Amino acid sequence: MLGALPQGVPAEDALARVAQRLIERLEQEAPPDRSRKLLTAAFLLTGLRVRREVARQVFRGVRAMRDSDTYMAIIEEGEEIRAKKDILRVGQKRLGPADATVSARLEAITDLARLDRIIDRLLDATSWQELLDTP
């Protein structure tokens, strides 16, 4: 994904061809678990070369990559970030500004299930303390 591409061909098209060939070879030559890891690595390396929208387009529909533990870890990190942003945004409307202690406590939470439970309690909690004490 980082090698030389054909001259006169848009990067997206050239990378799509490389990715397709990679997928074909992995399907024939690699066990599924190794294939998932290599596809995820190829996706990440593609992101070093082109914008994320292009990388997504190149690897759109590659199911094996989406089954990769590494890829899922990246997705879960994004879900965690989004959940914390949502908690802060809605919580500030409901409970008032979040001070540094609240922000630090929220930032320390990495359990997605707990963040989901906190989101579920957003409209019922009467204070940041009560909200963040959600087990």
Protein backbone atom coordinates (compact mmCIF):
# COMPACT_ATOMS: atom_id res chain seq x y z
CA MET A 1 0.00 0.00 0.00
CA LEU A 2 3.04 2.24 0.38
CA GLY A 3 4.85 1.06 -2.76
CA ALA A 4 5.14 2.79 -6.11
CA LEU A 5 1.88 3.14 -7.98
CA PRO A 6 1.40 3.23 -11.77
CA GLN A 7 1.92 6.64 -13.38
CA GLY A 8 -1.13 8.42 -14.76
CA VAL A 9 -3.64 6.49 -12.64
CA PRO A 10 -5.50 8.26 -9.82
CA ALA A 11 -4.18 7.12 -6.44
CA GLU A 12 -7.60 5.82 -5.35
CA ASP A 13 -7.90 3.61 -8.44
CA ALA A 14 -4.33 2.33 -8.18
CA LEU A 15 -4.70 1.59 -4.47
CA ALA A 16 -8.01 -0.18 -5.12
CA ARG A 17 -6.24 -2.46 -7.61
CA VAL A 18 -3.44 -3.18 -5.15
CA ALA A 19 -5.97 -3.88 -2.39
CA GLN A 20 -7.98 -6.19 -4.64
CA ARG A 21 -4.87 -8.16 -5.54
CA LEU A 22 -3.87 -8.31 -1.87
CA ILE A 23 -7.32 -9.61 -0.92
CA GLU A 24 -7.19 -12.28 -3.65
CA ARG A 25 -3.77 -13.49 -2.54
CA LEU A 26 -4.71 -13.53 1.13
CA GLU A 27 -7.86 -15.54 0.40
CA GLN A 28 -5.74 -18.14 -1.42
CA GLU A 29 -2.58 -18.17 0.67
CA ALA A 30 -3.24 -17.09 4.25
CA PRO A 31 -5.27 -18.53 7.12
CA PRO A 32 -8.27 -16.35 8.06
CA ASP A 33 -6.79 -14.97 11.29
CA ARG A 34 -3.58 -13.89 9.56
CA SER A 35 -5.56 -12.51 6.63
CA ARG A 36 -7.60 -10.28 8.96
CA LYS A 37 -4.45 -8.90 10.56
CA LEU A 38 -2.74 -8.23 7.24
CA LEU A 39 -5.80 -6.52 5.79
CA THR A 40 -6.07 -4.30 8.84
CA ALA A 41 -2.38 -3.42 8.53
CA ALA A 42 -2.87 -2.63 4.83
CA PHE A 43 -5.82 -0.38 5.69
CA LEU A 44 -3.80 1.49 8.32
CA LEU A 45 -0.85 1.88 5.95
CA THR A 46 -3.17 3.19 3.24
CA GLY A 47 -4.22 5.87 5.71
CA LEU A 48 -0.63 7.09 5.80
CA ARG A 49 -0.80 7.76 2.09
CA VAL A 50 -4.30 9.09 1.43
CA ARG A 51 -7.17 10.73 3.31
CA ARG A 52 -9.35 8.45 5.41
CA GLU A 53 -12.29 8.76 3.00
CA VAL A 54 -10.12 7.36 0.21
CA ALA A 55 -8.79 4.55 2.42
CA ARG A 56 -12.36 3.67 3.42
CA GLN A 57 -13.44 3.59 -0.22
CA VAL A 58 -10.51 1.36 -1.19
CA PHE A 59 -11.36 -1.16 1.55
CA ARG A 60 -15.16 -0.79 1.51
CA GLY A 61 -16.86 -4.13 1.91
CA VAL A 62 -13.77 -6.05 3.01
CA ARG A 63 -15.48 -8.15 5.65
CA ALA A 64 -12.38 -10.01 6.80
CA MET A 65 -10.74 -6.77 7.91
CA ARG A 66 -13.77 -5.77 9.95
CA ASP A 67 -13.49 -9.04 11.85
CA SER A 68 -9.95 -8.15 12.93
CA ASP A 69 -9.35 -7.59 16.63
CA THR A 70 -7.17 -4.58 15.84
CA TYR A 71 -9.82 -3.00 13.64
CA MET A 72 -12.46 -3.62 16.31
CA ALA A 73 -10.21 -2.00 18.93
CA ILE A 74 -9.99 1.10 16.74
CA ILE A 75 -13.77 1.16 16.36
CA GLU A 76 -14.29 0.73 20.11
CA GLU A 77 -11.91 3.61 20.84
CA GLY A 78 -14.00 5.78 18.54
CA GLU A 79 -17.19 4.68 20.31
CA GLU A 80 -15.63 5.55 23.67
CA ILE A 81 -14.65 9.03 22.48
CA ARG A 82 -18.11 9.63 21.01
CA ALA A 83 -19.88 8.43 24.17
CA LYS A 84 -17.82 10.78 26.35
CA LYS A 85 -18.54 13.72 24.05
CA ASP A 86 -22.26 12.92 24.14
CA ILE A 87 -22.25 12.61 27.93
CA LEU A 88 -20.53 15.98 28.29
CA ARG A 89 -22.75 17.72 25.73
CA VAL A 90 -26.07 16.49 27.11
CA GLY A 91 -24.87 16.50 30.71
CA GLN A 92 -23.90 20.17 30.51
CA LYS A 93 -27.36 21.06 29.23
CA ARG A 94 -28.99 19.05 32.00
CA LEU A 95 -26.58 19.41 34.93
CA GLY A 96 -24.56 22.52 34.18
CA PRO A 97 -20.90 22.94 33.28
CA ALA A 98 -18.54 20.06 33.96
CA ASP A 99 -15.62 21.07 36.16
CA ALA A 100 -12.11 19.61 35.91
CA THR A 101 -12.92 16.83 38.40
CA VAL A 102 -15.95 15.73 36.38
CA SER A 103 -13.97 15.83 33.15
CA ALA A 104 -11.14 13.81 34.69
CA ARG A 105 -13.51 11.19 36.12
CA LEU A 106 -15.29 10.83 32.81
CA GLU A 107 -12.02 10.61 30.89
CA ALA A 108 -10.87 7.79 33.18
CA ILE A 109 -13.84 5.58 32.23
CA THR A 110 -12.92 3.13 29.48
CA ASP A 111 -15.70 0.55 29.90
CA LEU A 112 -18.11 1.03 26.97
CA ALA A 113 -20.93 -0.77 28.76
CA ARG A 114 -20.60 1.61 31.71
CA LEU A 115 -20.55 4.62 29.38
CA ASP A 116 -23.78 3.29 27.83
CA ARG A 117 -25.34 2.99 31.29
CA ILE A 118 -24.30 6.58 32.05
CA ILE A 119 -25.91 7.73 28.80
CA ASP A 120 -29.10 5.89 29.78
CA ARG A 121 -29.16 7.83 33.10
CA LEU A 122 -28.46 11.26 31.62
CA LEU A 123 -32.05 12.44 31.77
CA ASP A 124 -32.69 11.08 35.27
CA ALA A 125 -29.53 12.09 37.15
CA THR A 126 -29.70 15.24 39.28
CA SER A 127 -25.95 15.86 39.57
CA TRP A 128 -22.67 15.02 37.88
CA GLN A 129 -21.68 13.06 40.98
CA GLU A 130 -24.80 10.90 40.76
CA LEU A 131 -24.31 10.40 37.04
CA LEU A 132 -20.65 9.42 37.30
CA ASP A 133 -21.33 7.09 40.22
CA THR A 134 -23.22 4.85 37.77
CA PRO A 135 -21.63 1.40 38.13
